[in-house]
Every structure is written in C-alpha cells, then in structure tokens.
C-alpha cells in the first residue's frame, strides 16, 4: 500500500528517538537526584557544597535544554522528580545561607517542580530545628521554625488538583510536620526552664 512503508519508517524513527530521549532523561535525573541528596547532606553537616551546586545547576540546565522538544519527558516522571529534588536542595541552601528563596526562573525549572521542592524543604528544616534544639540552641531553632512556618503557610494556599501536580499530599505532610515540630519546640522550651 502506498504510504505504508514511509509511515512505518517515520514512526520507527520517532520511537527510537523517543526511547533514546527517555533513557537520557532517566540517567540525567538519577545524577541530579544523587547530587541533590549530597547537597542536602552537606547542608546538614555544615560542609561546603558550592562545587556540587555549580555542577547540579549545569546538569539541570542541560537536561531542560535537551528535553525542550520532549515536554512529556520534562514535565513528568523522573525529570520532574529530579527538578523538585534540585529545587529542594538549592532553596534550602539559599534560605539558610542568605535568607532568600530563588524563583523557578532563577533555577530554570517549571513552577510545579519549584513548588514541590519548596514544600519538601519543610521536612529538611524540621531536621535543622531538631538538631539545634538538641544542641540547646533554642533561638536558632526558632529562626528555622519561622522559615518552616512561612513556607507551610504559603504552600497551604495552593488549591491544585492532583492531575495538575501532587501538592495535596505535600500539604498534608507539611501540616503534620509543623504540628510535631511545634510540640517539640514547646517541650524543649519547658525543659530549658527547669
């Protein structure tokens, strides 16, 4: 039949390229997630992570640029997860270091990945609050808690269906984390007065 052979060849080429792009997205996403975790660990340990921050920024930029034509790979699955992890790491570092939150444009990622990464910083800030409480640094713990509260209040304003982005689960988790952290701070303050 006329056109069948050309159509099959074209589809075969498309599927082959799509598979290559998917494999690239998975590999790149794994690297970004690994680096994000390393940065977060360094933040908690008080270690310098500037080289990792530069490297991850380039990796995310390259992935976003390389997958522009395959938006379905960029805005879902491993690439979206990786960009959220990246946002979490960079936002956490900037908040603690400079008291600022970089925008999604600054990070070069979609708003949804930025918002999900921001939501995840609540849990990382809890770890910082607890570490500071255990060290007897109540004022520093309260400072980190204040950041948590501001973020939680902000993300709880989103009313987004899960089909758009899975924010509701993050909001529920943030509520629970805030309640537990508030309780931990109250207990620490009572104990410090004894």
N, C-alpha and C. Protein backbone atom coordinates (compact mmCIF):
# COMPACT_ATOMS: atom_id res chain seq x y z
N UNK A 1 0.85 -1.19 0.00
CA UNK A 1 0.00 0.00 0.00
C UNK A 1 0.88 1.24 0.00
N UNK A 2 0.46 2.18 -0.79
CA UNK A 2 1.23 3.41 -0.91
C UNK A 2 1.21 4.16 0.43
N UNK A 3 2.37 4.62 0.85
CA UNK A 3 2.49 5.41 2.08
C UNK A 3 2.77 4.59 3.31
N UNK A 4 2.46 3.29 3.29
CA UNK A 4 2.64 2.47 4.49
C UNK A 4 4.10 2.38 4.89
N UNK A 5 4.95 2.09 3.95
CA UNK A 5 6.38 1.92 4.24
C UNK A 5 6.98 3.21 4.81
N UNK A 6 6.66 4.34 4.18
CA UNK A 6 7.16 5.62 4.67
C UNK A 6 6.65 5.92 6.08
N UNK A 7 5.37 5.64 6.31
CA UNK A 7 4.76 5.87 7.62
C UNK A 7 5.40 5.01 8.69
N UNK A 8 5.64 3.73 8.36
CA UNK A 8 6.27 2.82 9.33
C UNK A 8 7.70 3.26 9.64
N UNK A 9 8.42 3.68 8.62
CA UNK A 9 9.79 4.15 8.84
C UNK A 9 9.81 5.38 9.72
N UNK A 10 8.92 6.31 9.43
CA UNK A 10 8.85 7.54 10.21
C UNK A 10 8.50 7.23 11.67
N UNK A 11 7.51 6.38 11.89
CA UNK A 11 7.11 6.01 13.26
C UNK A 11 8.24 5.29 13.98
N UNK A 12 8.92 4.40 13.28
CA UNK A 12 10.03 3.66 13.87
C UNK A 12 11.15 4.61 14.30
N UNK A 13 11.46 5.59 13.46
CA UNK A 13 12.48 6.58 13.80
C UNK A 13 12.06 7.41 15.02
N UNK A 14 10.77 7.78 15.04
CA UNK A 14 10.25 8.55 16.18
C UNK A 14 10.37 7.74 17.47
N UNK A 15 9.95 6.48 17.44
CA UNK A 15 10.00 5.64 18.65
C UNK A 15 11.43 5.42 19.11
N UNK A 16 12.34 5.25 18.17
CA UNK A 16 13.74 5.06 18.51
C UNK A 16 14.30 6.30 19.21
N UNK A 17 14.00 7.47 18.64
CA UNK A 17 14.47 8.73 19.26
C UNK A 17 13.80 8.93 20.61
N UNK A 18 12.52 8.65 20.71
CA UNK A 18 11.81 8.82 21.99
C UNK A 18 12.42 7.94 23.07
N UNK A 19 12.78 6.72 22.71
CA UNK A 19 13.39 5.81 23.68
C UNK A 19 14.76 6.34 24.11
N UNK A 20 15.54 6.84 23.16
CA UNK A 20 16.85 7.41 23.50
C UNK A 20 16.69 8.61 24.44
N UNK A 21 15.73 9.48 24.15
CA UNK A 21 15.49 10.67 24.98
C UNK A 21 15.02 10.27 26.37
N UNK A 22 14.18 9.24 26.43
CA UNK A 22 13.70 8.75 27.73
C UNK A 22 14.86 8.21 28.56
N UNK A 23 15.73 7.44 27.94
CA UNK A 23 16.90 6.90 28.65
C UNK A 23 17.80 8.03 29.13
N UNK A 24 17.97 9.04 28.30
CA UNK A 24 18.76 10.21 28.69
C UNK A 24 18.12 10.89 29.91
N UNK A 25 16.81 11.09 29.88
CA UNK A 25 16.10 11.74 30.99
C UNK A 25 16.28 10.95 32.27
N UNK A 26 16.20 9.64 32.18
CA UNK A 26 16.35 8.79 33.37
C UNK A 26 17.77 8.91 33.93
N UNK A 27 18.78 8.80 33.07
CA UNK A 27 20.18 8.90 33.52
C UNK A 27 20.46 10.26 34.16
N UNK A 28 20.05 11.30 33.47
CA UNK A 28 20.30 12.65 33.96
C UNK A 28 19.56 12.89 35.28
N UNK A 29 18.34 12.39 35.36
CA UNK A 29 17.55 12.55 36.58
C UNK A 29 18.21 11.85 37.77
N UNK A 30 18.74 10.67 37.53
CA UNK A 30 19.44 9.96 38.61
C UNK A 30 20.62 10.77 39.12
N UNK A 31 21.39 11.33 38.20
CA UNK A 31 22.54 12.15 38.59
C UNK A 31 22.10 13.37 39.40
N UNK A 32 21.05 14.03 38.96
CA UNK A 32 20.55 15.23 39.64
C UNK A 32 20.05 14.88 41.04
N UNK A 33 19.31 13.79 41.15
CA UNK A 33 18.79 13.37 42.47
C UNK A 33 19.95 13.03 43.40
N UNK A 34 20.94 12.32 42.89
CA UNK A 34 22.11 11.95 43.69
C UNK A 34 22.84 13.21 44.19
N UNK A 35 23.05 14.16 43.29
CA UNK A 35 23.73 15.40 43.69
C UNK A 35 22.89 16.21 44.67
N UNK A 36 21.57 16.23 44.48
CA UNK A 36 20.68 16.95 45.39
C UNK A 36 20.79 16.39 46.80
N UNK A 37 20.79 15.08 46.90
CA UNK A 37 20.91 14.45 48.21
C UNK A 37 22.26 14.76 48.85
N UNK A 38 23.30 14.78 48.03
CA UNK A 38 24.63 15.10 48.55
C UNK A 38 24.67 16.55 49.06
N UNK A 39 24.04 17.45 48.35
CA UNK A 39 23.99 18.86 48.78
C UNK A 39 23.23 18.98 50.09
N UNK A 40 22.08 18.34 50.18
CA UNK A 40 21.29 18.42 51.41
C UNK A 40 22.07 17.83 52.59
N UNK A 41 22.75 16.73 52.36
CA UNK A 41 23.58 16.14 53.42
C UNK A 41 24.67 17.12 53.84
N UNK A 42 25.31 17.76 52.88
CA UNK A 42 26.35 18.75 53.19
C UNK A 42 25.80 19.93 53.98
N UNK A 43 24.60 20.37 53.63
CA UNK A 43 23.96 21.46 54.37
C UNK A 43 23.78 21.06 55.83
N UNK A 44 23.26 19.86 56.06
CA UNK A 44 23.04 19.40 57.43
C UNK A 44 24.35 19.23 58.21
N UNK A 45 25.40 18.86 57.49
CA UNK A 45 26.70 18.65 58.13
C UNK A 45 27.53 19.93 58.22
N UNK A 46 27.03 21.01 57.63
CA UNK A 46 27.76 22.28 57.65
C UNK A 46 28.98 22.28 56.75
N UNK A 47 28.95 21.48 55.71
CA UNK A 47 30.09 21.38 54.78
C UNK A 47 29.85 22.25 53.55
N UNK A 48 30.94 22.59 52.89
CA UNK A 48 30.86 23.39 51.66
C UNK A 48 30.30 22.52 50.53
N UNK A 49 29.32 23.03 49.84
CA UNK A 49 28.70 22.30 48.74
C UNK A 49 28.69 23.12 47.46
N UNK A 50 29.51 24.15 47.41
CA UNK A 50 29.47 25.08 46.27
C UNK A 50 29.82 24.40 44.94
N UNK A 51 30.77 23.48 44.95
CA UNK A 51 31.12 22.79 43.69
C UNK A 51 29.96 21.92 43.22
N UNK A 52 29.33 21.21 44.15
CA UNK A 52 28.16 20.39 43.79
C UNK A 52 27.03 21.28 43.28
N UNK A 53 26.86 22.46 43.89
CA UNK A 53 25.79 23.37 43.47
C UNK A 53 26.00 23.84 42.04
N UNK A 54 27.25 24.14 41.69
CA UNK A 54 27.55 24.56 40.32
C UNK A 54 27.31 23.42 39.33
N UNK A 55 27.76 22.24 39.71
CA UNK A 55 27.63 21.08 38.84
C UNK A 55 26.16 20.72 38.60
N UNK A 56 25.37 20.73 39.67
CA UNK A 56 23.95 20.36 39.53
C UNK A 56 23.20 21.41 38.71
N UNK A 57 23.57 22.65 38.88
CA UNK A 57 22.92 23.71 38.10
C UNK A 57 23.15 23.49 36.60
N UNK A 58 24.39 23.15 36.24
CA UNK A 58 24.69 22.88 34.82
C UNK A 58 23.93 21.65 34.33
N UNK A 59 23.88 20.60 35.15
CA UNK A 59 23.19 19.36 34.76
C UNK A 59 21.70 19.62 34.52
N UNK A 60 21.07 20.38 35.42
CA UNK A 60 19.65 20.69 35.25
C UNK A 60 19.45 21.54 34.00
N UNK A 61 20.28 22.55 33.82
CA UNK A 61 20.17 23.39 32.63
C UNK A 61 20.28 22.55 31.36
N UNK A 62 21.26 21.66 31.32
CA UNK A 62 21.46 20.82 30.14
C UNK A 62 20.25 19.91 29.91
N UNK A 63 19.73 19.31 30.98
CA UNK A 63 18.58 18.42 30.83
C UNK A 63 17.36 19.18 30.31
N UNK A 64 17.10 20.34 30.90
CA UNK A 64 15.94 21.14 30.48
C UNK A 64 16.10 21.56 29.01
N UNK A 65 17.30 21.99 28.64
CA UNK A 65 17.54 22.40 27.24
C UNK A 65 17.40 21.22 26.29
N UNK A 66 17.99 20.09 26.67
CA UNK A 66 17.97 18.92 25.79
C UNK A 66 16.59 18.30 25.63
N UNK A 67 15.71 18.51 26.61
CA UNK A 67 14.39 17.88 26.54
C UNK A 67 13.27 18.86 26.18
N UNK A 68 13.63 20.06 25.73
CA UNK A 68 12.61 21.05 25.39
C UNK A 68 11.60 20.52 24.38
N UNK A 69 12.06 19.75 23.43
CA UNK A 69 11.15 19.24 22.40
C UNK A 69 10.35 18.03 22.88
N UNK A 70 10.73 17.47 24.00
CA UNK A 70 10.02 16.32 24.57
C UNK A 70 9.42 16.71 25.91
N UNK A 71 8.50 17.65 25.89
CA UNK A 71 7.91 18.18 27.12
C UNK A 71 7.29 17.07 27.99
N UNK A 72 6.76 16.04 27.36
CA UNK A 72 6.17 14.94 28.12
C UNK A 72 7.21 14.27 29.01
N UNK A 73 8.48 14.30 28.64
CA UNK A 73 9.55 13.74 29.47
C UNK A 73 9.98 14.74 30.54
N UNK A 74 9.92 16.01 30.22
CA UNK A 74 10.42 17.04 31.11
C UNK A 74 9.46 17.34 32.26
N UNK A 75 8.16 17.26 32.01
CA UNK A 75 7.19 17.70 33.00
C UNK A 75 6.52 16.56 33.76
N UNK A 76 7.04 15.36 33.60
CA UNK A 76 6.51 14.23 34.37
C UNK A 76 7.61 13.20 34.58
N UNK A 77 7.35 12.24 35.42
CA UNK A 77 8.29 11.14 35.63
C UNK A 77 9.59 11.57 36.27
N UNK A 78 10.66 10.87 35.93
CA UNK A 78 11.95 11.09 36.59
C UNK A 78 12.49 12.52 36.47
N UNK A 79 12.32 13.16 35.32
CA UNK A 79 12.84 14.52 35.15
C UNK A 79 12.14 15.49 36.09
N UNK A 80 10.82 15.39 36.22
CA UNK A 80 10.08 16.27 37.13
C UNK A 80 10.50 16.02 38.57
N UNK A 81 10.67 14.76 38.94
CA UNK A 81 11.13 14.42 40.30
C UNK A 81 12.52 15.00 40.55
N UNK A 82 13.39 14.89 39.58
CA UNK A 82 14.76 15.39 39.73
C UNK A 82 14.76 16.91 39.90
N UNK A 83 13.94 17.60 39.13
CA UNK A 83 13.90 19.06 39.25
C UNK A 83 13.34 19.49 40.61
N UNK A 84 12.39 18.71 41.16
CA UNK A 84 11.88 19.00 42.50
C UNK A 84 12.97 18.81 43.55
N UNK A 85 13.74 17.74 43.42
CA UNK A 85 14.84 17.48 44.36
C UNK A 85 15.88 18.61 44.27
N UNK A 86 16.17 19.01 43.05
CA UNK A 86 17.10 20.12 42.82
C UNK A 86 16.59 21.39 43.50
N UNK A 87 15.31 21.70 43.28
CA UNK A 87 14.72 22.89 43.90
C UNK A 87 14.83 22.81 45.42
N UNK A 88 14.52 21.66 45.98
CA UNK A 88 14.61 21.50 47.43
C UNK A 88 16.01 21.81 47.94
N UNK A 89 17.01 21.24 47.30
CA UNK A 89 18.39 21.43 47.75
C UNK A 89 18.83 22.89 47.65
N UNK A 90 18.57 23.51 46.51
CA UNK A 90 19.02 24.89 46.31
C UNK A 90 18.23 25.86 47.19
N UNK A 91 16.93 25.66 47.28
CA UNK A 91 16.12 26.54 48.13
C UNK A 91 16.56 26.42 49.59
N UNK A 92 16.75 25.21 50.07
CA UNK A 92 17.18 25.01 51.46
C UNK A 92 18.51 25.73 51.71
N UNK A 93 19.47 25.54 50.82
CA UNK A 93 20.77 26.18 50.97
C UNK A 93 20.67 27.70 50.97
N UNK A 94 19.92 28.25 50.02
CA UNK A 94 19.79 29.71 49.93
C UNK A 94 19.05 30.29 51.13
N UNK A 95 18.04 29.59 51.62
CA UNK A 95 17.31 30.09 52.79
C UNK A 95 18.22 30.17 54.00
N UNK A 96 18.98 29.12 54.23
CA UNK A 96 19.84 29.08 55.41
C UNK A 96 21.05 30.00 55.29
N UNK A 97 21.55 30.13 54.08
CA UNK A 97 22.75 30.93 53.86
C UNK A 97 22.43 32.42 53.72
N UNK A 98 21.39 32.74 52.93
CA UNK A 98 21.11 34.13 52.59
C UNK A 98 19.74 34.63 53.05
N UNK A 99 18.90 33.74 53.54
CA UNK A 99 17.55 34.13 53.91
C UNK A 99 16.67 34.42 52.70
N UNK A 100 17.01 33.84 51.54
CA UNK A 100 16.26 34.09 50.31
C UNK A 100 15.76 32.77 49.71
N UNK A 101 14.75 32.90 48.88
CA UNK A 101 14.21 31.76 48.15
C UNK A 101 14.32 32.07 46.66
N UNK A 102 15.17 31.33 45.93
CA UNK A 102 15.30 31.59 44.50
C UNK A 102 14.02 31.21 43.76
N UNK A 103 13.70 31.95 42.72
CA UNK A 103 12.49 31.68 41.94
C UNK A 103 12.71 30.50 41.00
N UNK A 104 11.62 30.02 40.43
CA UNK A 104 11.74 28.94 39.45
C UNK A 104 12.50 29.42 38.21
N UNK A 105 12.34 30.72 37.87
CA UNK A 105 13.08 31.25 36.72
C UNK A 105 14.58 31.23 37.00
N UNK A 106 14.96 31.60 38.22
CA UNK A 106 16.37 31.59 38.60
C UNK A 106 16.93 30.18 38.50
N UNK A 107 16.14 29.20 38.92
CA UNK A 107 16.59 27.82 38.89
C UNK A 107 16.45 27.19 37.50
N UNK A 108 15.65 27.83 36.65
CA UNK A 108 15.46 27.32 35.28
C UNK A 108 14.59 26.08 35.20
N UNK A 109 13.60 26.01 36.09
CA UNK A 109 12.70 24.85 36.14
C UNK A 109 11.24 25.29 36.14
N UNK A 110 10.31 24.37 35.86
CA UNK A 110 8.89 24.72 35.87
C UNK A 110 8.38 25.06 37.28
N UNK A 111 7.32 25.84 37.32
CA UNK A 111 6.72 26.25 38.60
C UNK A 111 6.32 25.06 39.46
N UNK A 112 5.79 24.01 38.83
CA UNK A 112 5.32 22.85 39.61
C UNK A 112 6.48 22.17 40.33
N UNK A 113 7.62 22.00 39.67
CA UNK A 113 8.79 21.39 40.31
C UNK A 113 9.31 22.28 41.43
N UNK A 114 9.30 23.59 41.19
CA UNK A 114 9.73 24.55 42.21
C UNK A 114 8.85 24.45 43.45
N UNK A 115 7.53 24.45 43.24
CA UNK A 115 6.59 24.41 44.37
C UNK A 115 6.71 23.10 45.16
N UNK A 116 6.87 21.99 44.46
CA UNK A 116 7.02 20.70 45.16
C UNK A 116 8.34 20.65 45.93
N UNK A 117 9.40 21.19 45.34
CA UNK A 117 10.69 21.26 46.04
C UNK A 117 10.61 22.15 47.26
N UNK A 118 9.94 23.29 47.12
CA UNK A 118 9.74 24.20 48.25
C UNK A 118 9.00 23.49 49.39
N UNK A 119 7.96 22.75 49.03
CA UNK A 119 7.19 22.03 50.05
C UNK A 119 8.06 21.03 50.80
N UNK A 120 8.98 20.39 50.10
CA UNK A 120 9.85 19.41 50.74
C UNK A 120 10.86 20.03 51.69
N UNK A 121 11.13 21.32 51.56
CA UNK A 121 12.08 21.96 52.47
C UNK A 121 11.54 22.00 53.90
N UNK A 122 10.24 21.89 54.06
CA UNK A 122 9.66 21.90 55.40
C UNK A 122 10.23 20.74 56.23
N UNK A 123 10.31 19.57 55.65
CA UNK A 123 10.87 18.42 56.36
C UNK A 123 12.34 18.57 56.67
N UNK A 124 13.10 19.15 55.73
CA UNK A 124 14.53 19.36 55.97
C UNK A 124 14.75 20.42 57.05
N UNK A 125 13.91 21.44 57.06
CA UNK A 125 14.02 22.45 58.11
C UNK A 125 13.67 21.86 59.48
N UNK A 126 12.76 20.91 59.51
CA UNK A 126 12.46 20.23 60.78
C UNK A 126 13.72 19.56 61.33
N UNK A 127 14.46 18.89 60.46
CA UNK A 127 15.71 18.25 60.90
C UNK A 127 16.66 19.27 61.50
N UNK A 128 16.71 20.45 60.89
CA UNK A 128 17.59 21.51 61.39
C UNK A 128 17.09 22.02 62.74
N UNK A 129 15.78 22.20 62.86
CA UNK A 129 15.21 22.63 64.14
C UNK A 129 15.57 21.63 65.24
N UNK A 130 15.35 20.35 64.98
CA UNK A 130 15.64 19.33 65.99
C UNK A 130 17.13 19.30 66.36
N UNK A 131 17.98 19.41 65.37
CA UNK A 131 19.42 19.42 65.62
C UNK A 131 19.80 20.60 66.52
N UNK A 132 19.23 21.74 66.24
CA UNK A 132 19.52 22.94 67.03
C UNK A 132 18.94 22.82 68.44
N UNK A 133 17.75 22.24 68.55
CA UNK A 133 17.18 22.03 69.89
C UNK A 133 18.05 21.09 70.72
N UNK A 134 18.52 20.03 70.08
CA UNK A 134 19.36 19.07 70.79
C UNK A 134 20.68 19.71 71.22
N UNK A 135 21.13 20.72 70.50
CA UNK A 135 22.37 21.43 70.86
C UNK A 135 22.10 22.55 71.86
N UNK A 136 20.83 22.71 72.25
CA UNK A 136 20.47 23.76 73.20
C UNK A 136 20.39 25.15 72.57
N UNK A 137 20.33 25.21 71.25
CA UNK A 137 20.28 26.48 70.52
C UNK A 137 18.83 26.83 70.20
N UNK A 138 18.07 27.19 71.23
CA UNK A 138 16.64 27.40 71.08
C UNK A 138 16.35 28.57 70.13
N UNK A 139 17.09 29.67 70.27
CA UNK A 139 16.84 30.83 69.39
C UNK A 139 17.08 30.49 67.92
N UNK A 140 18.15 29.75 67.65
CA UNK A 140 18.43 29.35 66.26
C UNK A 140 17.38 28.37 65.76
N UNK A 141 16.89 27.52 66.65
CA UNK A 141 15.82 26.58 66.28
C UNK A 141 14.55 27.36 65.94
N UNK A 142 14.26 28.38 66.72
CA UNK A 142 13.07 29.20 66.46
C UNK A 142 13.19 29.94 65.13
N UNK A 143 14.40 30.34 64.78
CA UNK A 143 14.62 31.01 63.50
C UNK A 143 14.31 30.06 62.34
N UNK A 144 14.79 28.82 62.42
CA UNK A 144 14.50 27.83 61.38
C UNK A 144 13.01 27.49 61.36
N UNK A 145 12.40 27.43 62.54
CA UNK A 145 10.96 27.15 62.62
C UNK A 145 10.16 28.27 61.95
N UNK A 146 10.60 29.50 62.12
CA UNK A 146 9.92 30.63 61.49
C UNK A 146 9.93 30.48 59.97
N UNK A 147 11.06 30.01 59.41
CA UNK A 147 11.13 29.76 57.97
C UNK A 147 10.14 28.67 57.58
N UNK A 148 10.11 27.60 58.38
CA UNK A 148 9.18 26.49 58.12
C UNK A 148 7.75 27.00 58.06
N UNK A 149 7.41 27.81 59.04
CA UNK A 149 6.05 28.31 59.16
C UNK A 149 5.66 29.16 57.96
N UNK A 150 6.58 30.02 57.54
CA UNK A 150 6.31 30.88 56.39
C UNK A 150 6.08 30.05 55.12
N UNK A 151 6.91 29.03 54.93
CA UNK A 151 6.76 28.16 53.77
C UNK A 151 5.46 27.37 53.83
N UNK A 152 5.19 26.78 54.99
CA UNK A 152 3.97 25.98 55.15
C UNK A 152 2.74 26.84 54.90
N UNK A 153 2.72 28.04 55.47
CA UNK A 153 1.59 28.94 55.25
C UNK A 153 1.42 29.25 53.77
N UNK A 154 2.53 29.42 53.06
CA UNK A 154 2.47 29.72 51.63
C UNK A 154 1.97 28.56 50.80
N UNK A 155 2.50 27.36 51.04
CA UNK A 155 2.09 26.22 50.20
C UNK A 155 0.67 25.76 50.52
N UNK A 156 0.20 26.04 51.73
CA UNK A 156 -1.17 25.63 52.06
C UNK A 156 -2.21 26.45 51.31
N UNK A 157 -1.80 27.55 50.71
CA UNK A 157 -2.72 28.37 49.93
C UNK A 157 -3.02 27.78 48.55
N UNK A 158 -2.15 26.86 48.09
CA UNK A 158 -2.38 26.24 46.78
C UNK A 158 -3.60 25.32 46.85
N UNK A 159 -4.47 25.46 45.86
CA UNK A 159 -5.62 24.56 45.72
C UNK A 159 -5.52 23.96 44.32
N UNK A 160 -4.76 22.88 44.23
CA UNK A 160 -4.40 22.32 42.93
C UNK A 160 -4.84 20.85 42.87
N UNK A 161 -5.55 20.47 41.83
CA UNK A 161 -5.89 19.05 41.69
C UNK A 161 -4.63 18.21 41.45
N UNK A 162 -4.66 16.98 41.92
CA UNK A 162 -3.51 16.09 41.76
C UNK A 162 -3.16 15.86 40.29
N UNK A 163 -4.13 15.99 39.41
CA UNK A 163 -3.86 15.81 37.98
C UNK A 163 -2.92 16.90 37.46
N UNK A 164 -2.90 18.06 38.13
CA UNK A 164 -2.01 19.14 37.73
C UNK A 164 -0.64 18.95 38.38
N UNK A 165 -0.64 18.80 39.69
CA UNK A 165 0.60 18.50 40.43
C UNK A 165 0.21 17.94 41.80
N UNK A 166 0.96 16.97 42.31
CA UNK A 166 0.57 16.29 43.56
C UNK A 166 0.89 17.12 44.81
N UNK A 167 0.27 18.29 44.92
CA UNK A 167 0.56 19.20 46.02
C UNK A 167 -0.20 18.83 47.30
N UNK A 168 -1.36 18.24 47.19
CA UNK A 168 -2.18 17.96 48.39
C UNK A 168 -1.45 17.07 49.39
N UNK A 169 -0.78 16.05 48.89
CA UNK A 169 -0.04 15.15 49.78
C UNK A 169 1.07 15.92 50.49
N UNK A 170 1.76 16.79 49.76
CA UNK A 170 2.83 17.61 50.35
C UNK A 170 2.25 18.56 51.40
N UNK A 171 1.06 19.11 51.14
CA UNK A 171 0.43 20.00 52.10
C UNK A 171 0.07 19.24 53.38
N UNK A 172 -0.49 18.05 53.23
CA UNK A 172 -0.83 17.23 54.41
C UNK A 172 0.41 16.88 55.22
N UNK A 173 1.49 16.54 54.51
CA UNK A 173 2.74 16.23 55.20
C UNK A 173 3.28 17.46 55.94
N UNK A 174 3.20 18.62 55.30
CA UNK A 174 3.70 19.85 55.93
C UNK A 174 2.91 20.17 57.20
N UNK A 175 1.58 19.97 57.16
CA UNK A 175 0.77 20.21 58.36
C UNK A 175 1.23 19.33 59.51
N UNK A 176 1.41 18.05 59.24
CA UNK A 176 1.85 17.12 60.27
C UNK A 176 3.23 17.47 60.81
N UNK A 177 4.14 17.82 59.92
CA UNK A 177 5.50 18.19 60.32
C UNK A 177 5.46 19.44 61.20
N UNK A 178 4.65 20.41 60.83
CA UNK A 178 4.55 21.64 61.61
C UNK A 178 4.02 21.36 63.02
N UNK A 179 2.98 20.52 63.11
CA UNK A 179 2.41 20.20 64.43
C UNK A 179 3.42 19.50 65.32
N UNK A 180 4.14 18.52 64.77
CA UNK A 180 5.15 17.80 65.57
C UNK A 180 6.29 18.72 65.99
N UNK A 181 6.71 19.58 65.07
CA UNK A 181 7.81 20.49 65.38
C UNK A 181 7.40 21.52 66.43
N UNK A 182 6.20 22.03 66.33
CA UNK A 182 5.68 22.98 67.32
C UNK A 182 5.69 22.33 68.70
N UNK A 183 5.25 21.10 68.76
CA UNK A 183 5.24 20.35 70.02
C UNK A 183 6.66 20.14 70.54
N UNK A 184 7.58 19.78 69.67
CA UNK A 184 8.98 19.58 70.08
C UNK A 184 9.58 20.86 70.64
N UNK A 185 9.29 21.99 70.02
CA UNK A 185 9.83 23.27 70.49
C UNK A 185 9.23 23.61 71.85
N UNK A 186 7.92 23.41 72.00
CA UNK A 186 7.28 23.70 73.28
C UNK A 186 7.89 22.88 74.39
N UNK A 187 8.10 21.60 74.15
CA UNK A 187 8.71 20.72 75.17
C UNK A 187 10.13 21.18 75.49
N UNK A 188 10.90 21.51 74.46
CA UNK A 188 12.28 21.97 74.67
C UNK A 188 12.31 23.25 75.48
N UNK A 189 11.39 24.16 75.24
CA UNK A 189 11.37 25.42 75.98
C UNK A 189 10.98 25.19 77.44
N UNK A 190 10.03 24.30 77.66
CA UNK A 190 9.64 23.98 79.05
C UNK A 190 10.82 23.34 79.78
N UNK A 191 11.49 22.39 79.11
CA UNK A 191 12.62 21.69 79.72
C UNK A 191 13.79 22.63 80.01
N UNK A 192 13.98 23.63 79.17
CA UNK A 192 15.10 24.54 79.38
C UNK A 192 14.89 25.45 80.57
N UNK A 193 13.63 25.59 81.02
CA UNK A 193 13.32 26.45 82.16
C UNK A 193 13.38 25.70 83.49
N UNK A 194 13.57 24.40 83.43
CA UNK A 194 13.63 23.60 84.68
C UNK A 194 14.97 23.71 85.33
